[in-house]
PDB file of all heavy atoms in Angstrom:
ATOM      1  N   SER A   1      46.197  83.262 106.087  1.00  0.00           N
ATOM      2  CA  SER A   1      47.073  82.923 105.045  1.00  0.00           C
ATOM      3  C   SER A   1      48.541  82.765 105.621  1.00  0.00           C
ATOM      4  O   SER A   1      48.904  83.257 106.658  1.00  0.00           O
ATOM      5  CB  SER A   1      47.073  83.911 103.904  1.00  0.00           C
ATOM      6  OG  SER A   1      47.555  85.209 104.396  1.00  0.00           O
ATOM      7  N   LEU A   2      49.334  82.033 104.827  1.00  0.00           N
ATOM      8  CA  LEU A   2      50.779  81.797 105.118  1.00  0.00           C
ATOM      9  C   LEU A   2      51.542  81.783 103.857  1.00  0.00           C
ATOM     10  O   LEU A   2      51.250  81.068 103.045  1.00  0.00           O
ATOM     11  CB  LEU A   2      50.994  80.592 105.982  1.00  0.00           C
ATOM     12  CG  LEU A   2      52.412  80.126 106.249  1.00  0.00           C
ATOM     13  CD1 LEU A   2      53.147  81.034 107.029  1.00  0.00           C
ATOM     14  CD2 LEU A   2      52.401  78.783 106.780  1.00  0.00           C
ATOM     15  N   ARG A   3      52.493  82.609 103.713  1.00  0.00           N
ATOM     16  CA  ARG A   3      53.274  82.701 102.495  1.00  0.00           C
ATOM     17  C   ARG A   3      54.795  82.716 102.849  1.00  0.00           C
ATOM     18  O   ARG A   3      55.278  83.523 103.605  1.00  0.00           O
ATOM     19  CB  ARG A   3      53.050  83.856 101.690  1.00  0.00           C
ATOM     20  CG  ARG A   3      51.490  83.869 101.118  1.00  0.00           C
ATOM     21  CD  ARG A   3      51.227  85.018 100.336  1.00  0.00           C
ATOM     22  NE  ARG A   3      52.047  85.137  99.087  1.00  0.00           N
ATOM     23  CZ  ARG A   3      52.349  86.321  98.398  1.00  0.00           C
ATOM     24  NH1 ARG A   3      51.755  87.428  98.956  1.00  0.00           N
ATOM     25  NH2 ARG A   3      53.142  86.283  97.542  1.00  0.00           N
ATOM     26  N   PHE A   4      55.598  81.783 102.268  1.00  0.00           N
ATOM     27  CA  PHE A   4      57.081  81.782 102.327  1.00  0.00           C
ATOM     28  C   PHE A   4      57.518  82.437 101.099  1.00  0.00           C
ATOM     29  O   PHE A   4      57.422  81.965  99.998  1.00  0.00           O
ATOM     30  CB  PHE A   4      57.479  80.366 102.340  1.00  0.00           C
ATOM     31  CG  PHE A   4      56.924  79.562 103.484  1.00  0.00           C
ATOM     32  CD1 PHE A   4      56.037  78.561 103.343  1.00  0.00           C
ATOM     33  CD2 PHE A   4      57.295  79.923 104.827  1.00  0.00           C
ATOM     34  CE1 PHE A   4      55.536  77.840 104.449  1.00  0.00           C
ATOM     35  CE2 PHE A   4      56.794  79.317 105.930  1.00  0.00           C
ATOM     36  CZ  PHE A   4      55.828  78.210 105.742  1.00  0.00           C
ATOM     37  N   MET A   5      57.849  83.785 101.238  1.00  0.00           N
ATOM     38  CA  MET A   5      58.177  84.618 100.107  1.00  0.00           C
ATOM     39  C   MET A   5      59.615  84.698  99.613  1.00  0.00           C
ATOM     40  O   MET A   5      59.775  84.959  98.358  1.00  0.00           O
ATOM     41  CB  MET A   5      57.688  86.045 100.394  1.00  0.00           C
ATOM     42  CG  MET A   5      56.127  86.071 100.815  1.00  0.00           C
ATOM     43  SD  MET A   5      55.514  87.563 101.333  1.00  0.00           S
ATOM     44  CE  MET A   5      55.608  88.502  99.944  1.00  0.00           C
ATOM     45  N   ARG A   6      60.521  84.524 100.504  1.00  0.00           N
ATOM     46  CA  ARG A   6      61.923  84.485 100.191  1.00  0.00           C
ATOM     47  C   ARG A   6      62.628  83.527 100.918  1.00  0.00           C
ATOM     48  O   ARG A   6      62.289  83.316 102.189  1.00  0.00           O
ATOM     49  CB  ARG A   6      62.464  85.974 100.469  1.00  0.00           C
ATOM     50  CG  ARG A   6      62.021  86.901  99.318  1.00  0.00           C
ATOM     51  CD  ARG A   6      62.193  88.348  99.708  1.00  0.00           C
ATOM     52  NE  ARG A   6      61.593  89.234  98.729  1.00  0.00           N
ATOM     53  CZ  ARG A   6      60.275  89.374  98.711  1.00  0.00           C
ATOM     54  NH1 ARG A   6      59.403  88.715  99.533  1.00  0.00           N
ATOM     55  NH2 ARG A   6      59.737  90.075  97.752  1.00  0.00           N
ATOM     56  N   PRO A   7      63.661  82.973 100.445  1.00  0.00           N
ATOM     57  CA  PRO A   7      64.555  81.939 101.183  1.00  0.00           C
ATOM     58  C   PRO A   7      65.181  82.718 102.343  1.00  0.00           C
ATOM     59  O   PRO A   7      65.534  83.825 102.397  1.00  0.00           O
ATOM     60  CB  PRO A   7      65.556  81.486 100.163  1.00  0.00           C
ATOM     61  CG  PRO A   7      65.834  82.666  99.186  1.00  0.00           C
ATOM     62  CD  PRO A   7      64.345  83.361  99.066  1.00  0.00           C
ATOM     63  N   VAL A   8      65.394  81.835 103.469  1.00  0.00           N
ATOM     64  CA  VAL A   8      66.215  82.342 104.559  1.00  0.00           C
ATOM     65  C   VAL A   8      67.423  81.321 104.584  1.00  0.00           C
ATOM     66  O   VAL A   8      67.240  80.250 104.977  1.00  0.00           O
ATOM     67  CB  VAL A   8      65.349  82.292 105.900  1.00  0.00           C
ATOM     68  CG1 VAL A   8      66.174  82.560 107.054  1.00  0.00           C
ATOM     69  CG2 VAL A   8      64.213  83.174 105.865  1.00  0.00           C
ATOM     70  N   ARG A   9      68.554  81.951 104.201  1.00  0.00           N
ATOM     71  CA  ARG A   9      69.779  81.175 104.053  1.00  0.00           C
ATOM     72  C   ARG A   9      70.311  80.901 105.473  1.00  0.00           C
ATOM     73  O   ARG A   9      70.124  81.675 106.486  1.00  0.00           O
ATOM     74  CB  ARG A   9      70.714  81.924 103.283  1.00  0.00           C
ATOM     75  CG  ARG A   9      70.405  81.905 101.828  1.00  0.00           C
ATOM     76  CD  ARG A   9      71.285  82.884 100.978  1.00  0.00           C
ATOM     77  NE  ARG A   9      71.076  82.729  99.643  1.00  0.00           N
ATOM     78  CZ  ARG A   9      70.006  83.238  98.791  1.00  0.00           C
ATOM     79  NH1 ARG A   9      69.230  84.060  99.536  1.00  0.00           N
ATOM     80  NH2 ARG A   9      69.980  83.051  97.510  1.00  0.00           N
ATOM     81  N   SER A  10      70.936  79.768 105.591  1.00  0.00           N
ATOM     82  CA  SER A  10      71.563  79.383 106.977  1.00  0.00           C
ATOM     83  C   SER A  10      72.485  80.462 107.367  1.00  0.00           C
ATOM     84  O   SER A  10      73.223  81.020 106.513  1.00  0.00           O
ATOM     85  CB  SER A  10      72.338  78.076 106.691  1.00  0.00           C
ATOM     86  OG  SER A  10      71.405  77.115 106.377  1.00  0.00           O
ATOM     87  N   GLY A  11      72.525  80.711 108.715  1.00  0.00           N
ATOM     88  CA  GLY A  11      73.419  81.644 109.286  1.00  0.00           C
ATOM     89  C   GLY A  11      72.999  83.079 109.364  1.00  0.00           C
ATOM     90  O   GLY A  11      73.722  83.832 109.985  1.00  0.00           O
ATOM     91  N   VAL A  12      71.986  83.386 108.778  1.00  0.00           N
ATOM     92  CA  VAL A  12      71.434  84.820 108.827  1.00  0.00           C
ATOM     93  C   VAL A  12      70.650  85.152 110.104  1.00  0.00           C
ATOM     94  O   VAL A  12      70.106  84.144 110.776  1.00  0.00           O
ATOM     95  CB  VAL A  12      70.600  85.108 107.631  1.00  0.00           C
ATOM     96  CG1 VAL A  12      71.349  85.012 106.342  1.00  0.00           C
ATOM     97  CG2 VAL A  12      69.243  84.340 107.624  1.00  0.00           C
ATOM     98  N   ARG A  13      70.493  86.377 110.455  1.00  0.00           N
ATOM     99  CA  ARG A  13      69.670  86.671 111.564  1.00  0.00           C
ATOM    100  C   ARG A  13      68.287  87.089 111.133  1.00  0.00           C
ATOM    101  O   ARG A  13      68.161  87.683 109.960  1.00  0.00           O
ATOM    102  CB  ARG A  13      70.341  87.817 112.278  1.00  0.00           C
ATOM    103  CG  ARG A  13      71.636  87.442 112.920  1.00  0.00           C
ATOM    104  CD  ARG A  13      72.353  88.620 113.725  1.00  0.00           C
ATOM    105  NE  ARG A  13      71.439  88.984 114.927  1.00  0.00           N
ATOM    106  CZ  ARG A  13      71.154  90.077 115.381  1.00  0.00           C
ATOM    107  NH1 ARG A  13      71.932  91.146 114.839  1.00  0.00           N
ATOM    108  NH2 ARG A  13      70.354  90.425 116.321  1.00  0.00           N
ATOM    109  N   ILE A  14      67.252  86.763 111.900  1.00  0.00           N
ATOM    110  CA  ILE A  14      65.894  87.185 111.534  1.00  0.00           C
ATOM    111  C   ILE A  14      65.219  88.000 112.594  1.00  0.00           C
ATOM    112  O   ILE A  14      65.663  87.953 113.763  1.00  0.00           O
ATOM    113  CB  ILE A  14      65.064  85.913 111.143  1.00  0.00           C
ATOM    114  CG1 ILE A  14      65.049  85.034 112.406  1.00  0.00           C
ATOM    115  CG2 ILE A  14      65.586  85.118 109.977  1.00  0.00           C
ATOM    116  CD1 ILE A  14      64.074  83.745 112.350  1.00  0.00           C
ATOM    117  N   HIS A  15      64.244  88.650 112.204  1.00  0.00           N
ATOM    118  CA  HIS A  15      63.305  89.384 113.222  1.00  0.00           C
ATOM    119  C   HIS A  15      61.921  89.467 112.674  1.00  0.00           C
ATOM    120  O   HIS A  15      61.781  89.121 111.525  1.00  0.00           O
ATOM    121  CB  HIS A  15      63.987  90.845 113.485  1.00  0.00           C
ATOM    122  CG  HIS A  15      63.728  91.750 112.410  1.00  0.00           C
ATOM    123  ND1 HIS A  15      62.881  92.685 112.225  1.00  0.00           N
ATOM    124  CD2 HIS A  15      64.616  91.847 111.336  1.00  0.00           C
ATOM    125  CE1 HIS A  15      62.964  93.409 111.137  1.00  0.00           C
ATOM    126  NE2 HIS A  15      64.138  92.985 110.562  1.00  0.00           N
ATOM    127  N   ALA A  16      60.959  89.859 113.448  1.00  0.00           N
ATOM    128  CA  ALA A  16      59.631  89.938 113.040  1.00  0.00           C
ATOM    129  C   ALA A  16      58.969  90.931 113.505  1.00  0.00           C
ATOM    130  O   ALA A  16      59.287  91.603 114.626  1.00  0.00           O
ATOM    131  CB  ALA A  16      58.928  88.610 113.350  1.00  0.00           C
ATOM    132  N   ARG A  17      57.917  91.476 112.934  1.00  0.00           N
ATOM    133  CA  ARG A  17      57.005  92.588 113.346  1.00  0.00           C
ATOM    134  C   ARG A  17      55.543  92.105 113.239  1.00  0.00           C
ATOM    135  O   ARG A  17      55.259  91.241 112.399  1.00  0.00           O
ATOM    136  CB  ARG A  17      57.050  93.693 112.407  1.00  0.00           C
ATOM    137  CG  ARG A  17      58.409  94.398 112.442  1.00  0.00           C
ATOM    138  CD  ARG A  17      58.521  95.548 111.585  1.00  0.00           C
ATOM    139  NE  ARG A  17      59.936  96.128 111.483  1.00  0.00           N
ATOM    140  CZ  ARG A  17      60.707  96.125 110.485  1.00  0.00           C
ATOM    141  NH1 ARG A  17      60.134  95.784 109.402  1.00  0.00           N
ATOM    142  NH2 ARG A  17      61.811  96.751 110.479  1.00  0.00           N
ATOM    143  N   MET A  18      54.774  92.408 114.216  1.00  0.00           N
ATOM    144  CA  MET A  18      53.346  92.128 114.233  1.00  0.00           C
ATOM    145  C   MET A  18      52.540  93.383 114.150  1.00  0.00           C
ATOM    146  O   MET A  18      52.723  94.429 114.799  1.00  0.00           O
ATOM    147  CB  MET A  18      53.039  91.405 115.604  1.00  0.00           C
ATOM    148  CG  MET A  18      51.628  90.954 115.799  1.00  0.00           C
ATOM    149  SD  MET A  18      51.370  90.227 117.477  1.00  0.00           S
ATOM    150  CE  MET A  18      52.227  88.856 117.380  1.00  0.00           C
ATOM    151  N   GLN A  19      51.360  93.173 113.321  1.00  0.00           N
ATOM    152  CA  GLN A  19      50.455  94.328 113.228  1.00  0.00           C
ATOM    153  C   GLN A  19      49.054  93.871 113.295  1.00  0.00           C
ATOM    154  O   GLN A  19      48.719  92.736 112.900  1.00  0.00           O
ATOM    155  CB  GLN A  19      50.676  94.900 111.757  1.00  0.00           C
ATOM    156  CG  GLN A  19      49.671  96.038 111.443  1.00  0.00           C
ATOM    157  CD  GLN A  19      49.840  96.485 110.088  1.00  0.00           C
ATOM    158  OE1 GLN A  19      50.626  95.955 109.302  1.00  0.00           O
ATOM    159  NE2 GLN A  19      49.260  97.662 109.669  1.00  0.00           N
ATOM    160  N   LEU A  20      48.225  94.650 114.065  1.00  0.00           N
ATOM    161  CA  LEU A  20      46.852  94.141 114.303  1.00  0.00           C
ATOM    162  C   LEU A  20      46.097  94.443 113.052  1.00  0.00           C
ATOM    163  O   LEU A  20      46.151  95.577 112.540  1.00  0.00           O
ATOM    164  CB  LEU A  20      46.209  95.060 115.518  1.00  0.00           C
ATOM    165  CG  LEU A  20      44.770  94.828 115.701  1.00  0.00           C
ATOM    166  CD1 LEU A  20      44.513  93.402 116.237  1.00  0.00           C
ATOM    167  CD2 LEU A  20      44.282  95.840 116.695  1.00  0.00           C
ATOM    168  N   LYS A  21      45.447  93.436 112.541  1.00  0.00           N
ATOM    169  CA  LYS A  21      44.696  93.673 111.279  1.00  0.00           C
ATOM    170  C   LYS A  21      43.075  93.929 111.642  1.00  0.00           C
ATOM    171  O   LYS A  21      42.486  94.757 110.861  1.00  0.00           O
ATOM    172  CB  LYS A  21      44.902  92.461 110.228  1.00  0.00           C
ATOM    173  CG  LYS A  21      46.280  92.341 109.873  1.00  0.00           C
ATOM    174  CD  LYS A  21      46.934  93.451 109.181  1.00  0.00           C
ATOM    175  CE  LYS A  21      46.284  93.700 107.801  1.00  0.00           C
ATOM    176  NZ  LYS A  21      47.051  94.789 107.124  1.00  0.00           N
ATOM    177  N   SER A  22      42.651  93.048 112.437  1.00  0.00           N
ATOM    178  CA  SER A  22      41.203  93.230 112.713  1.00  0.00           C
ATOM    179  C   SER A  22      40.881  92.671 114.169  1.00  0.00           C
ATOM    180  O   SER A  22      41.583  91.863 114.635  1.00  0.00           O
ATOM    181  CB  SER A  22      40.289  92.651 111.681  1.00  0.00           C
ATOM    182  OG  SER A  22      40.389  91.215 111.785  1.00  0.00           O
ATOM    183  N   ALA A  23      39.769  93.162 114.674  1.00  0.00           N
ATOM    184  CA  ALA A  23      39.152  92.575 115.858  1.00  0.00           C
ATOM    185  C   ALA A  23      37.679  92.493 115.781  1.00  0.00           C
ATOM    186  O   ALA A  23      37.046  93.535 115.408  1.00  0.00           O
ATOM    187  CB  ALA A  23      39.563  93.398 117.114  1.00  0.00           C
ATOM    188  N   GLU A  24      37.151  91.344 116.007  1.00  0.00           N
ATOM    189  CA  GLU A  24      35.593  91.232 115.671  1.00  0.00           C
ATOM    190  C   GLU A  24      35.000  90.331 116.798  1.00  0.00           C
ATOM    191  O   GLU A  24      35.483  89.412 117.233  1.00  0.00           O
ATOM    192  CB  GLU A  24      35.550  90.431 114.370  1.00  0.00           C
ATOM    193  CG  GLU A  24      34.057  90.057 114.097  1.00  0.00           C
ATOM    194  CD  GLU A  24      33.979  89.146 112.972  1.00  0.00           C
ATOM    195  OE1 GLU A  24      35.061  88.827 112.236  1.00  0.00           O
ATOM    196  OE2 GLU A  24      32.841  88.793 112.462  1.00  0.00           O
ATOM    197  N   ARG A  25      34.107  90.971 117.374  1.00  0.00           N
ATOM    198  CA  ARG A  25      33.329  90.325 118.504  1.00  0.00           C
ATOM    199  C   ARG A  25      32.449  89.186 117.880  1.00  0.00           C
ATOM    200  O   ARG A  25      31.746  89.337 116.917  1.00  0.00           O
ATOM    201  CB  ARG A  25      32.297  91.398 119.138  1.00  0.00           C
ATOM    202  CG  ARG A  25      31.714  90.836 120.422  1.00  0.00           C
ATOM    203  CD  ARG A  25      32.767  91.005 121.444  1.00  0.00           C
ATOM    204  NE  ARG A  25      32.035  90.819 122.749  1.00  0.00           N
ATOM    205  CZ  ARG A  25      32.598  90.009 123.696  1.00  0.00           C
ATOM    206  NH1 ARG A  25      33.663  89.357 123.541  1.00  0.00           N
ATOM    207  NH2 ARG A  25      31.947  89.802 124.882  1.00  0.00           N
ATOM    208  N   THR A  26      32.530  88.020 118.622  1.00  0.00           N
ATOM    209  CA  THR A  26      31.782  86.855 118.096  1.00  0.00           C
ATOM    210  C   THR A  26      30.941  86.285 119.229  1.00  0.00           C
ATOM    211  O   THR A  26      31.125  86.747 120.393  1.00  0.00           O
ATOM    212  CB  THR A  26      32.765  85.792 117.580  1.00  0.00           C
ATOM    213  OG1 THR A  26      33.402  85.135 118.640  1.00  0.00           O
ATOM    214  CG2 THR A  26      33.627  86.258 116.404  1.00  0.00           C
ATOM    215  N   ASP A  27      30.106  85.351 119.006  1.00  0.00           N
ATOM    216  CA  ASP A  27      29.465  84.661 120.106  1.00  0.00           C
ATOM    217  C   ASP A  27      30.372  83.976 121.142  1.00  0.00           C
ATOM    218  O   ASP A  27      30.077  83.730 122.270  1.00  0.00           O
ATOM    219  CB  ASP A  27      28.494  83.608 119.617  1.00  0.00           C
ATOM    220  CG  ASP A  27      27.264  84.207 118.832  1.00  0.00           C
ATOM    221  OD1 ASP A  27      27.082  85.435 119.094  1.00  0.00           O
ATOM    222  OD2 ASP A  27      26.664  83.569 118.053  1.00  0.00           O
ATOM    223  N   ASN A  28      31.562  83.574 120.598  1.00  0.00           N
ATOM    224  CA  ASN A  28      32.516  82.791 121.515  1.00  0.00           C
ATOM    225  C   ASN A  28      33.549  83.664 122.170  1.00  0.00           C
ATOM    226  O   ASN A  28      34.343  83.166 122.937  1.00  0.00           O
ATOM    227  CB  ASN A  28      33.222  81.730 120.713  1.00  0.00           C
ATOM    228  CG  ASN A  28      32.268  80.787 120.100  1.00  0.00           C
ATOM    229  OD1 ASN A  28      31.314  80.379 120.746  1.00  0.00           O
ATOM    230  ND2 ASN A  28      32.525  80.242 118.992  1.00  0.00           N
ATOM    231  N   GLY A  29      33.590  84.997 121.812  1.00  0.00           N
ATOM    232  CA  GLY A  29      34.643  85.813 122.343  1.00  0.00           C
ATOM    233  C   GLY A  29      35.010  86.847 121.315  1.00  0.00           C
ATOM    234  O   GLY A  29      34.204  87.258 120.524  1.00  0.00           O
ATOM    235  N   THR A  30      36.241  87.286 121.187  1.00  0.00           N
ATOM    236  CA  THR A  30      36.743  88.288 120.274  1.00  0.00           C
ATOM    237  C   THR A  30      37.851  87.655 119.417  1.00  0.00           C
ATOM    238  O   THR A  30      38.774  87.182 119.917  1.00  0.00           O
ATOM    239  CB  THR A  30      37.353  89.462 121.048  1.00  0.00           C
ATOM    240  OG1 THR A  30      36.352  90.045 121.828  1.00  0.00           O
ATOM    241  CG2 THR A  30      37.797  90.562 120.018  1.00  0.00           C
ATOM    242  N   ARG A  31      37.476  87.590 118.143  1.00  0.00           N
ATOM    243  CA  ARG A  31      38.501  87.110 117.168  1.00  0.00           C
ATOM    244  C   ARG A  31      39.481  88.185 116.663  1.00  0.00           C
ATOM    245  O   ARG A  31      39.009  89.320 116.201  1.00  0.00           O
ATOM    246  CB  ARG A  31      37.744  86.474 116.057  1.00  0.00           C
ATOM    247  CG  ARG A  31      38.667  85.651 115.006  1.00  0.00           C
ATOM    248  CD  ARG A  31      38.091  84.922 114.036  1.00  0.00           C
ATOM    249  NE  ARG A  31      37.779  85.954 112.918  1.00  0.00           N
ATOM    250  CZ  ARG A  31      37.484  85.459 111.643  1.00  0.00           C
ATOM    251  NH1 ARG A  31      37.225  84.271 111.353  1.00  0.00           N
ATOM    252  NH2 ARG A  31      37.562  86.404 110.711  1.00  0.00           N
ATOM    253  N   ILE A  32      40.706  87.930 116.835  1.00  0.00           N
ATOM    254  CA  ILE A  32      41.834  88.918 116.383  1.00  0.00           C
ATOM    255  C   ILE A  32      42.505  88.312 115.279  1.00  0.00           C
ATOM    256  O   ILE A  32      42.974  87.169 115.302  1.00  0.00           O
ATOM    257  CB  ILE A  32      42.689  89.219 117.675  1.00  0.00           C
ATOM    258  CG1 ILE A  32      42.020  89.613 119.011  1.00  0.00           C
ATOM    259  CG2 ILE A  32      43.809  90.188 117.261  1.00  0.00           C
ATOM    260  CD1 ILE A  32      41.372  90.951 118.960  1.00  0.00           C
ATOM    261  N   SER A  33      42.813  89.247 114.353  1.00  0.00           N
ATOM    262  CA  SER A  33      43.716  88.968 113.176  1.00  0.00           C
ATOM    263  C   SER A  33      44.974  89.667 113.221  1.00  0.00           C
ATOM    264  O   SER A  33      44.883  90.917 113.422  1.00  0.00           O
ATOM    265  CB  SER A  33      43.026  89.042 111.928  1.00  0.00           C
ATOM    266  OG  SER A  33      43.911  88.872 110.793  1.00  0.00           O
ATOM    267  N   TYR A  34      46.271  89.078 113.309  1.00  0.00           N
ATOM    268  CA  TYR A  34      47.471  89.660 113.300  1.00  0.00           C
ATOM    269  C   TYR A  34      48.127  89.438 112.049  1.00  0.00           C
ATOM    270  O   TYR A  34      48.027  88.276 111.497  1.00  0.00           O
ATOM    271  CB  TYR A  34      48.295  89.323 114.454  1.00  0.00           C
ATOM    272  CG  TYR A  34      47.787  89.704 115.761  1.00  0.00           C
ATOM    273  CD1 TYR A  34      47.329  88.697 116.595  1.00  0.00           C
ATOM    274  CD2 TYR A  34      47.972  91.002 116.378  1.00  0.00           C
ATOM    275  CE1 TYR A  34      46.980  88.956 117.935  1.00  0.00           C
ATOM    276  CE2 TYR A  34      47.570  91.358 117.462  1.00  0.00           C
ATOM    277  CZ  TYR A  34      46.985  90.317 118.416  1.00  0.00           C
ATOM    278  OH  TYR A  34      46.637  90.675 119.649  1.00  0.00           O
ATOM    279  N   GLU A  35      48.813  90.378 111.507  1.00  0.00           N
ATOM    280  CA  GLU A  35      49.890  90.115 110.446  1.00  0.00           C
ATOM    281  C   GLU A  35      51.287  89.975 110.969  1.00  0.00           C
ATOM    282  O   GLU A  35      51.634  90.890 111.568  1.00  0.00           O
ATOM    283  CB  GLU A  35      49.694  91.142 109.353  1.00  0.00           C
ATOM    284  CG  GLU A  35      50.761  90.804 108.122  1.00  0.00           C
ATOM    285  CD  GLU A  35      50.699  91.988 107.145  1.00  0.00           C
ATOM    286  OE1 GLU A  35      51.439  92.872 107.430  1.00  0.00           O
ATOM    287  OE2 GLU A  35      50.003  91.798 106.186  1.00  0.00           O
ATOM    288  N   ILE A  36      52.082  88.925 110.900  1.00  0.00           N
ATOM    289  CA  ILE A  36      53.355  88.826 111.211  1.00  0.00           C
ATOM    290  C   ILE A  36      54.192  88.782 109.978  1.00  0.00           C
ATOM    291  O   ILE A  36      54.071  87.891 109.130  1.00  0.00           O
ATOM    292  CB  ILE A  36      53.546  87.637 112.172  1.00  0.00           C
ATOM    293  CG1 ILE A  36      52.652  87.671 113.381  1.00  0.00           C
ATOM    294  CG2 ILE A  36      54.998  87.453 112.493  1.00  0.00           C
ATOM    295  CD1 ILE A  36      52.533  86.457 114.162  1.00  0.00           C
ATOM    296  N   ALA A  37      55.117  89.745 109.858  1.00  0.00           N
ATOM    297  CA  ALA A  37      56.109  89.686 108.834  1.00  0.00           C
ATOM    298  C   ALA A  37      57.541  89.381 109.378  1.00  0.00           C
ATOM    299  O   ALA A  37      57.990  90.192 110.291  1.00  0.00           O
ATOM    300  CB  ALA A  37      56.099  91.062 108.197  1.00  0.00           C
ATOM    301  N   MET A  38      58.004  88.251 108.978  1.00  0.00           N
ATOM    302  CA  MET A  38      59.410  87.889 109.407  1.00  0.00           C
ATOM    303  C   MET A  38      60.402  88.241 108.330  1.00  0.00           C
ATOM    304  O   MET A  38      60.197  87.971 107.148  1.00  0.00           O
ATOM    305  CB  MET A  38      59.446  86.376 109.613  1.00  0.00           C
ATOM    306  CG  MET A  38      60.742  85.824 110.122  1.00  0.00           C
ATOM    307  SD  MET A  38      60.787  84.099 110.274  1.00  0.00           S
ATOM    308  CE  MET A  38      59.721  83.887 111.749  1.00  0.00           C
ATOM    309  N   HIS A  39      61.465  88.879 108.713  1.00  0.00           N
ATOM    310  CA  HIS A  39      62.419  89.443 107.801  1.00  0.00           C
ATOM    311  C   HIS A  39      63.719  88.879 108.117  1.00  0.00           C
ATOM    312  O   HIS A  39      64.120  88.617 109.262  1.00  0.00           O
ATOM    313  CB  HIS A  39      62.527  90.981 107.899  1.00  0.00           C
ATOM    314  CG  HIS A  39      61.299  91.606 107.446  1.00  0.00           C
ATOM    315  ND1 HIS A  39      61.312  92.386 106.183  1.00  0.00           N
ATOM    316  CD2 HIS A  39      60.125  91.951 108.093  1.00  0.00           C
ATOM    317  CE1 HIS A  39      60.007  92.912 106.109  1.00  0.00           C
ATOM    318  NE2 HIS A  39      59.362  92.716 107.249  1.00  0.00           N
ATOM    319  N   VAL A  40      64.590  88.782 107.080  1.00  0.00           N
ATOM    320  CA  VAL A  40      66.047  88.505 107.317  1.00  0.00           C
ATOM    321  C   VAL A  40      66.632  89.972 107.667  1.00  0.00           C
ATOM    322  O   VAL A  40      66.256  90.969 106.995  1.00  0.00           O
ATOM    323  CB  VAL A  40      66.777  87.973 105.978  1.00  0.00           C
ATOM    324  CG1 VAL A  40      68.297  88.078 106.230  1.00  0.00           C
ATOM    325  CG2 VAL A  40      66.265  86.665 105.677  1.00  0.00           C
ATOM    326  N   VAL A  41      67.350  90.098 108.752  1.00  0.00           N
ATOM    327  CA  VAL A  41      67.931  91.381 109.122  1.00  0.00           C
ATOM    328  C   VAL A  41      68.724  91.962 107.959  1.00  0.00           C
ATOM    329  O   VAL A  41      69.537  91.363 107.321  1.00  0.00           O
ATOM    330  CB  VAL A  41      68.865  91.220 110.296  1.00  0.00           C
ATOM    331  CG1 VAL A  41      69.465  92.557 110.684  1.00  0.00           C
ATOM    332  CG2 VAL A  41      68.100  90.840 111.441  1.00  0.00           C
ATOM    333  N   GLY A  42      68.320  93.315 107.712  1.00  0.00           N
ATOM    334  CA  GLY A  42      68.915  93.983 106.536  1.00  0.00           C
ATOM    335  C   GLY A  42      68.156  93.944 105.235  1.00  0.00           C
ATOM    336  O   GLY A  42      68.518  94.679 104.287  1.00  0.00           O
ATOM    337  N   GLN A  43      67.106  93.095 105.220  1.00  0.00           N
ATOM    338  CA  GLN A  43      66.386  92.966 103.947  1.00  0.00           C
ATOM    339  C   GLN A  43      65.037  93.738 104.107  1.00  0.00           C
ATOM    340  O   GLN A  43      64.300  93.595 105.244  1.00  0.00           O
ATOM    341  CB  GLN A  43      66.038  91.532 103.584  1.00  0.00           C
ATOM    342  CG  GLN A  43      67.426  90.893 103.090  1.00  0.00           C
ATOM    343  CD  GLN A  43      67.191  89.504 102.471  1.00  0.00           C
ATOM    344  OE1 GLN A  43      65.951  89.049 102.478  1.00  0.00           O
ATOM    345  NE2 GLN A  43      68.090  88.933 102.000  1.00  0.00           N
ATOM    346  N   ARG A  44      64.575  94.401 103.200  1.00  0.00           N
ATOM    347  CA  ARG A  44      63.362  95.341 103.291  1.00  0.00           C
ATOM    348  C   ARG A  44      62.089  94.435 103.256  1.00  0.00           C
ATOM    349  O   ARG A  44      61.046  94.540 103.812  1.00  0.00           O
ATOM    350  CB  ARG A  44      63.287  96.380 102.237  1.00  0.00           C
ATOM    351  CG  ARG A  44      62.073  97.272 102.353  1.00  0.00           C
ATOM    352  CD  ARG A  44      62.254  98.328 101.249  1.00  0.00           C
ATOM    353  NE  ARG A  44      62.208  97.857  99.923  1.00  0.00           N
ATOM    354  CZ  ARG A  44      61.002  97.656  99.236  1.00  0.00           C
ATOM    355  NH1 ARG A  44      59.881  97.796  99.910  1.00  0.00           N
ATOM    356  NH2 ARG A  44      61.016  97.167  97.999  1.00  0.00           N
ATOM    357  N   LEU A  45      62.066  93.356 102.243  1.00  0.00           N
ATOM    358  CA  LEU A  45      60.981  92.613 102.068  1.00  0.00           C
ATOM    359  C   LEU A  45      60.940  91.459 102.962  1.00  0.00           C
ATOM    360  O   LEU A  45      62.020  90.806 103.203  1.00  0.00           O
ATOM    361  CB  LEU A  45      60.937  92.285 100.556  1.00  0.00           C
ATOM    362  CG  LEU A  45      60.745  93.375  99.515  1.00  0.00           C
ATOM    363  CD1 LEU A  45      60.984  92.839  98.190  1.00  0.00           C
ATOM    364  CD2 LEU A  45      59.491  94.254  99.688  1.00  0.00           C
TER     365      LEU A  45
END
């Protein structure tokens, strides 16, 4: 999934965090799911 949840106004600083959601062995290898949350610096959500 991909959601644009809040506007990012010009000139602000951003940062992101990554969290491992799942790892599943498949016939082709290992499928990994990460959640990446990008924030405007200073905003909680």
